[in-house]
Protein backbone atom coordinates (compact mmCIF):
# COMPACT_ATOMS: atom_id res chain seq x y z
CA UNK A 1 -0.05 -0.05 -0.04
CA UNK A 2 1.43 3.45 -0.87
CA UNK A 3 0.65 6.17 1.77
CA UNK A 4 0.71 9.84 1.65
CA UNK A 5 1.73 12.33 -1.06
CA UNK A 6 5.18 10.95 -1.66
CA UNK A 7 3.77 7.49 -2.33
CA UNK A 8 1.25 9.03 -4.77
CA UNK A 9 4.02 10.74 -6.58
CA UNK A 10 6.09 7.51 -6.80
CA UNK A 11 3.05 5.73 -8.11
CA UNK A 12 2.40 8.44 -10.72
CA UNK A 13 6.13 8.31 -11.74
CA UNK A 14 5.88 4.51 -11.98
CA UNK A 15 2.77 4.78 -14.21
CA UNK A 16 4.42 7.13 -16.43
CA UNK A 17 7.54 5.14 -16.68
CA UNK A 18 5.39 2.00 -17.63
CA UNK A 19 3.45 4.16 -20.31
CA UNK A 20 6.88 5.24 -21.74
CA UNK A 21 8.22 1.67 -21.90
CA UNK A 22 5.07 0.55 -23.56
CA UNK A 23 5.49 3.26 -26.21
CA UNK A 24 9.20 2.56 -26.62
CA UNK A 25 8.49 -1.06 -26.97
CA UNK A 26 6.15 -0.51 -29.72
CA UNK A 27 8.90 1.50 -31.63
CA UNK A 28 11.69 -0.70 -30.57
CA UNK A 29 14.28 -2.42 -32.80
CA UNK A 30 13.93 -6.14 -33.68
CA UNK A 31 14.54 -8.61 -30.81
CA UNK A 32 18.16 -9.41 -30.38
CA UNK A 33 19.51 -11.79 -27.72
CA UNK A 34 23.24 -11.57 -27.98
CA UNK A 35 23.86 -14.86 -26.17
CA UNK A 36 21.98 -16.68 -28.90
CA UNK A 37 23.87 -16.64 -32.20
CA UNK A 38 21.59 -17.42 -35.15
CA UNK A 39 23.33 -19.64 -37.53
CA UNK A 40 20.64 -19.96 -40.25
CA UNK A 41 17.31 -18.37 -41.10
CA UNK A 42 14.70 -19.98 -43.42
CA UNK A 43 11.21 -18.68 -44.45
CA UNK A 44 8.35 -20.89 -45.81
CA UNK A 45 5.03 -20.09 -46.98
CA UNK A 46 2.22 -22.36 -45.83
CA UNK A 47 -1.32 -22.83 -46.96
CA UNK A 48 -3.81 -24.72 -44.72
CA UNK A 49 -7.04 -26.73 -45.32
CA UNK A 50 -8.94 -23.78 -44.49
CA UNK A 51 -7.16 -21.83 -47.36
CA UNK A 52 -5.36 -19.49 -45.05
CA UNK A 53 -1.80 -18.59 -46.22
CA UNK A 54 1.12 -17.27 -44.24
CA UNK A 55 4.76 -17.20 -43.70
CA UNK A 56 6.82 -18.96 -40.91
CA UNK A 57 10.49 -18.21 -40.19
CA UNK A 58 12.70 -20.70 -38.80
CA UNK A 59 15.73 -19.76 -36.93
CA UNK A 60 18.60 -22.22 -35.83
CA UNK A 61 21.04 -21.07 -33.29
CA UNK A 62 24.66 -22.18 -32.97
CA UNK A 63 23.92 -23.69 -29.55
CA UNK A 64 21.57 -26.12 -31.16
CA UNK A 65 18.29 -24.36 -30.16
CA UNK A 66 15.73 -23.85 -32.77
CA UNK A 67 12.87 -21.14 -32.91
CA UNK A 68 9.97 -20.31 -35.27
CA UNK A 69 8.19 -17.02 -35.86
CA UNK A 70 4.53 -17.86 -36.48
CA UNK A 71 1.79 -15.46 -37.03
CA UNK A 72 -1.22 -16.13 -34.56
CA UNK A 73 -4.19 -14.03 -34.43
CA UNK A 74 -2.58 -10.98 -35.90
CA UNK A 75 0.43 -11.33 -33.79
CA UNK A 76 4.05 -12.83 -34.71
CA UNK A 77 5.00 -15.15 -31.79
CA UNK A 78 8.44 -16.63 -31.14
CA UNK A 79 7.98 -20.25 -30.62
CA UNK A 80 10.76 -22.26 -29.17
CA UNK A 81 11.69 -25.97 -30.38
CA UNK A 82 11.09 -28.56 -27.79
CA UNK A 83 11.35 -32.35 -27.92
CA UNK A 84 8.75 -34.27 -30.02
CA UNK A 85 8.00 -38.05 -30.56
CA UNK A 86 8.11 -37.18 -34.39
CA UNK A 87 8.57 -34.18 -36.44
CA UNK A 88 9.51 -30.76 -34.85
CA UNK A 89 7.37 -29.37 -32.18
CA UNK A 90 7.61 -25.57 -31.23
CA UNK A 91 5.75 -23.89 -28.36
CA UNK A 92 4.87 -20.27 -27.44
CA UNK A 93 2.24 -19.00 -25.07
CA UNK A 94 -0.71 -21.32 -25.37
CA UNK A 95 0.15 -22.62 -28.77
CA UNK A 96 1.91 -25.54 -30.28
CA UNK A 97 3.31 -25.37 -33.85
CA UNK A 98 3.93 -28.98 -34.82
CA UNK A 99 5.72 -29.76 -38.19
CA UNK A 100 6.21 -33.10 -39.77
CA UNK A 101 7.95 -33.02 -43.09
CA UNK A 102 6.28 -30.35 -45.30
CA UNK A 103 3.17 -30.46 -43.15
CA UNK A 104 2.19 -28.57 -39.93
CA UNK A 105 -0.64 -28.01 -37.45
CA UNK A 106 -1.31 -25.14 -34.93
CA UNK A 107 -2.75 -26.23 -31.53
CA UNK A 108 -4.41 -24.20 -28.70
CA UNK A 109 -3.27 -26.40 -25.89
CA UNK A 110 -5.53 -24.70 -23.35
CA UNK A 111 -8.70 -25.68 -25.54
CA UNK A 112 -9.05 -29.29 -24.36
CA UNK A 113 -7.48 -32.24 -22.69
CA UNK A 114 -6.87 -33.67 -26.15
CA UNK A 115 -6.73 -30.44 -28.17
CA UNK A 116 -7.73 -30.38 -31.90
CA UNK A 117 -5.74 -28.17 -34.26
CA UNK A 118 -6.89 -24.47 -34.70
CA UNK A 119 -5.19 -24.67 -38.00
CA UNK A 120 -4.92 -28.03 -39.66
CA UNK A 121 -3.64 -29.61 -42.80
CA UNK A 122 -1.05 -26.81 -43.41
CA UNK A 123 1.53 -27.59 -46.12
CA UNK A 124 4.74 -25.78 -47.30
CA UNK A 125 3.97 -24.14 -50.70
CA UNK A 126 6.74 -25.33 -53.00
CA UNK A 127 7.60 -22.86 -55.88
């Protein structure tokens, strides 16, 4: 609990700083994590069973980690590669992007005990 005038001033300053950081983040440069050296970057176009098309960029780091930038609901999310029984599985927030060969599906893992894909039958567009 913040008491008195000095507490109110600190709260106002903190709110102002948070607002400034929010504005700065919106105009910030691309994400860079110096400890992770990207060794290769590949972008693929996908089309899904519902005719939705989009691009996914895969990043492979020198330390063996892998990432995928996947657009979900108007946001580009950074997915992290995790162990999978088959194919390559990436997770971010409440989503799983699971690729097997040229195919992929997007799951919302909070939707059910055994989630069904929110985007299914996605395949790499070969050109």
